[in-house]
Amino acid sequence: MLLDDKPITNDRRADIAQVAINAFIAEVGGDFENAIGDLIADLCHLAQREKLDALSQVANGLNHWACEVTDPPDGMQNEARCSIDIETRKYGKVGETWIAFDSARCPT
């Protein structure tokens, strides 16, 4: 829940993310383009430390994003699914996850 009266739009969501990425860049340095990926990676480290499935968290976030950017004008939300399969040359398969929603609506 936001503490202001501004409607929740994708531009508003981007504004909120901008605050987070600016704080991240202030802490670790770097440029905007690379900082987004670095922050996502660091959030995965945080999830792992907190005993959460990092890939499921990323997939869930991508599902939310996909629903938000494809929401039709009539207000009915789309279904989204995300599949993530990570394999490294050195260690082989690192992880895999698949997230789908049972209902025809994305989470709000």
C-alpha atoms as a PDB file:
ATOM      1  CA  MET A   1       0.000   0.000   0.000  1.00  0.00           C
ATOM      2  CA  LEU A   2       1.266   3.421  -0.932  1.00  0.00           C
ATOM      3  CA  LEU A   3       1.193   6.340   1.439  1.00  0.00           C
ATOM      4  CA  ASP A   4      -0.039   8.851  -1.117  1.00  0.00           C
ATOM      5  CA  ASP A   5      -3.154   9.333  -3.204  1.00  0.00           C
ATOM      6  CA  LYS A   6      -1.519   8.686  -6.568  1.00  0.00           C
ATOM      7  CA  PRO A   7      -3.207   5.956  -8.629  1.00  0.00           C
ATOM      8  CA  ILE A   8      -1.248   2.766  -9.208  1.00  0.00           C
ATOM      9  CA  THR A   9      -0.186   2.894 -12.832  1.00  0.00           C
ATOM     10  CA  ASN A  10       2.786   1.329 -14.560  1.00  0.00           C
ATOM     11  CA  ASP A  11       4.454   4.752 -14.581  1.00  0.00           C
ATOM     12  CA  ARG A  12       3.911   4.947 -10.808  1.00  0.00           C
ATOM     13  CA  ARG A  13       5.369   1.462 -10.409  1.00  0.00           C
ATOM     14  CA  ALA A  14       8.405   2.599 -12.421  1.00  0.00           C
ATOM     15  CA  ASP A  15       8.738   5.672 -10.179  1.00  0.00           C
ATOM     16  CA  ILE A  16       8.782   3.420  -7.104  1.00  0.00           C
ATOM     17  CA  ALA A  17      11.411   1.175  -8.719  1.00  0.00           C
ATOM     18  CA  GLN A  18      13.454   4.280  -9.583  1.00  0.00           C
ATOM     19  CA  VAL A  19      13.682   5.123  -5.881  1.00  0.00           C
ATOM     20  CA  ALA A  20      15.001   1.610  -5.162  1.00  0.00           C
ATOM     21  CA  ILE A  21      17.543   1.633  -7.995  1.00  0.00           C
ATOM     22  CA  ASN A  22      18.779   5.113  -7.048  1.00  0.00           C
ATOM     23  CA  ALA A  23      19.374   3.896  -3.472  1.00  0.00           C
ATOM     24  CA  PHE A  24      21.165   0.808  -4.812  1.00  0.00           C
ATOM     25  CA  ILE A  25      23.422   2.891  -7.084  1.00  0.00           C
ATOM     26  CA  ALA A  26      24.176   5.255  -4.194  1.00  0.00           C
ATOM     27  CA  GLU A  27      25.263   2.254  -2.102  1.00  0.00           C
ATOM     28  CA  VAL A  28      27.315   0.273  -4.638  1.00  0.00           C
ATOM     29  CA  GLY A  29      27.979   2.657  -7.526  1.00  0.00           C
ATOM     30  CA  GLY A  30      27.743   1.775 -11.171  1.00  0.00           C
ATOM     31  CA  ASP A  31      25.495   2.900 -13.960  1.00  0.00           C
ATOM     32  CA  PHE A  32      21.740   2.656 -14.300  1.00  0.00           C
ATOM     33  CA  GLU A  33      21.654  -0.009 -17.025  1.00  0.00           C
ATOM     34  CA  ASN A  34      23.904  -2.462 -15.186  1.00  0.00           C
ATOM     35  CA  ALA A  35      22.475  -1.648 -11.767  1.00  0.00           C
ATOM     36  CA  ILE A  36      19.072  -3.141 -12.594  1.00  0.00           C
ATOM     37  CA  GLY A  37      20.560  -6.590 -13.276  1.00  0.00           C
ATOM     38  CA  ASP A  38      22.916  -6.295 -10.309  1.00  0.00           C
ATOM     39  CA  LEU A  39      20.014  -5.421  -8.004  1.00  0.00           C
ATOM     40  CA  ILE A  40      17.990  -8.380  -9.284  1.00  0.00           C
ATOM     41  CA  ALA A  41      20.988 -10.651  -8.602  1.00  0.00           C
ATOM     42  CA  ASP A  42      21.437  -9.204  -5.113  1.00  0.00           C
ATOM     43  CA  LEU A  43      17.724  -9.678  -4.401  1.00  0.00           C
ATOM     44  CA  CYS A  44      18.182 -13.336  -5.347  1.00  0.00           C
ATOM     45  CA  HIS A  45      21.052 -13.575  -2.847  1.00  0.00           C
ATOM     46  CA  LEU A  46      18.791 -12.027  -0.210  1.00  0.00           C
ATOM     47  CA  ALA A  47      15.974 -14.459  -1.004  1.00  0.00           C
ATOM     48  CA  GLN A  48      18.393 -17.387  -0.779  1.00  0.00           C
ATOM     49  CA  ARG A  49      19.770 -16.163   2.548  1.00  0.00           C
ATOM     50  CA  GLU A  50      16.213 -15.876   3.860  1.00  0.00           C
ATOM     51  CA  LYS A  51      15.515 -19.471   2.752  1.00  0.00           C
ATOM     52  CA  LEU A  52      13.209 -18.413  -0.098  1.00  0.00           C
ATOM     53  CA  ASP A  53      13.309 -19.894  -3.595  1.00  0.00           C
ATOM     54  CA  ALA A  54      15.006 -17.089  -5.524  1.00  0.00           C
ATOM     55  CA  LEU A  55      13.880 -18.338  -8.935  1.00  0.00           C
ATOM     56  CA  SER A  56      10.270 -18.535  -7.805  1.00  0.00           C
ATOM     57  CA  GLN A  57      10.505 -14.966  -6.526  1.00  0.00           C
ATOM     58  CA  VAL A  58      11.887 -13.766  -9.868  1.00  0.00           C
ATOM     59  CA  ALA A  59       9.286 -15.751 -11.826  1.00  0.00           C
ATOM     60  CA  ASN A  60       6.516 -14.358  -9.646  1.00  0.00           C
ATOM     61  CA  GLY A  61       7.793 -10.820 -10.221  1.00  0.00           C
ATOM     62  CA  LEU A  62       7.928 -11.411 -13.976  1.00  0.00           C
ATOM     63  CA  ASN A  63       4.365 -12.740 -13.877  1.00  0.00           C
ATOM     64  CA  HIS A  64       3.224  -9.591 -12.087  1.00  0.00           C
ATOM     65  CA  TRP A  65       5.046  -7.420 -14.618  1.00  0.00           C
ATOM     66  CA  ALA A  66       3.598  -9.341 -17.589  1.00  0.00           C
ATOM     67  CA  CYS A  67       0.089  -8.965 -16.208  1.00  0.00           C
ATOM     68  CA  GLU A  68       0.562  -5.276 -15.540  1.00  0.00           C
ATOM     69  CA  VAL A  69       1.887  -4.451 -19.009  1.00  0.00           C
ATOM     70  CA  THR A  70      -0.730  -6.556 -20.835  1.00  0.00           C
ATOM     71  CA  ASP A  71      -3.776  -5.619 -18.768  1.00  0.00           C
ATOM     72  CA  PRO A  72      -6.537  -4.933 -21.312  1.00  0.00           C
ATOM     73  CA  PRO A  73      -8.550  -1.696 -21.182  1.00  0.00           C
ATOM     74  CA  ASP A  74     -11.696  -3.423 -19.904  1.00  0.00           C
ATOM     75  CA  GLY A  75      -9.949  -4.142 -16.612  1.00  0.00           C
ATOM     76  CA  MET A  76      -9.873  -7.929 -16.987  1.00  0.00           C
ATOM     77  CA  GLN A  77      -6.391  -9.070 -16.145  1.00  0.00           C
ATOM     78  CA  ASN A  78      -4.536 -11.593 -18.269  1.00  0.00           C
ATOM     79  CA  GLU A  79      -3.070 -14.888 -17.196  1.00  0.00           C
ATOM     80  CA  ALA A  80       0.713 -15.076 -17.227  1.00  0.00           C
ATOM     81  CA  ARG A  81       3.217 -17.867 -16.804  1.00  0.00           C
ATOM     82  CA  CYS A  82       6.933 -17.764 -16.463  1.00  0.00           C
ATOM     83  CA  SER A  83       9.472 -20.522 -16.841  1.00  0.00           C
ATOM     84  CA  ILE A  84      13.075 -20.073 -15.749  1.00  0.00           C
ATOM     85  CA  ASP A  85      15.767 -22.663 -16.384  1.00  0.00           C
ATOM     86  CA  ILE A  86      19.343 -21.775 -15.451  1.00  0.00           C
ATOM     87  CA  GLU A  87      22.323 -23.828 -16.486  1.00  0.00           C
ATOM     88  CA  THR A  88      25.966 -22.826 -16.139  1.00  0.00           C
ATOM     89  CA  ARG A  89      28.916 -24.167 -18.089  1.00  0.00           C
ATOM     90  CA  LYS A  90      30.895 -24.973 -14.956  1.00  0.00           C
ATOM     91  CA  TYR A  91      28.254 -26.331 -12.615  1.00  0.00           C
ATOM     92  CA  GLY A  92      25.481 -27.522 -14.917  1.00  0.00           C
ATOM     93  CA  LYS A  93      21.892 -26.994 -13.895  1.00  0.00           C
ATOM     94  CA  VAL A  94      21.611 -24.410 -11.116  1.00  0.00           C
ATOM     95  CA  GLY A  95      17.882 -24.205 -10.804  1.00  0.00           C
ATOM     96  CA  GLU A  96      14.566 -24.380 -12.505  1.00  0.00           C
ATOM     97  CA  THR A  97      11.137 -23.072 -11.702  1.00  0.00           C
ATOM     98  CA  TRP A  98       7.794 -22.680 -13.392  1.00  0.00           C
ATOM     99  CA  ILE A  99       5.063 -20.464 -12.031  1.00  0.00           C
ATOM    100  CA  ALA A 100       1.523 -20.270 -13.384  1.00  0.00           C
ATOM    101  CA  PHE A 101      -1.713 -18.981 -11.986  1.00  0.00           C
ATOM    102  CA  ASP A 102      -4.736 -21.263 -11.721  1.00  0.00           C
ATOM    103  CA  SER A 103      -7.196 -18.453 -12.218  1.00  0.00           C
ATOM    104  CA  ALA A 104      -7.596 -16.351 -15.334  1.00  0.00           C
ATOM    105  CA  ARG A 105      -6.577 -13.257 -13.395  1.00  0.00           C
ATOM    106  CA  CYS A 106      -3.174 -12.100 -12.329  1.00  0.00           C
ATOM    107  CA  PRO A 107      -2.559 -11.099  -8.733  1.00  0.00           C
ATOM    108  CA  THR A 108      -3.310  -7.519  -7.868  1.00  0.00           C
END
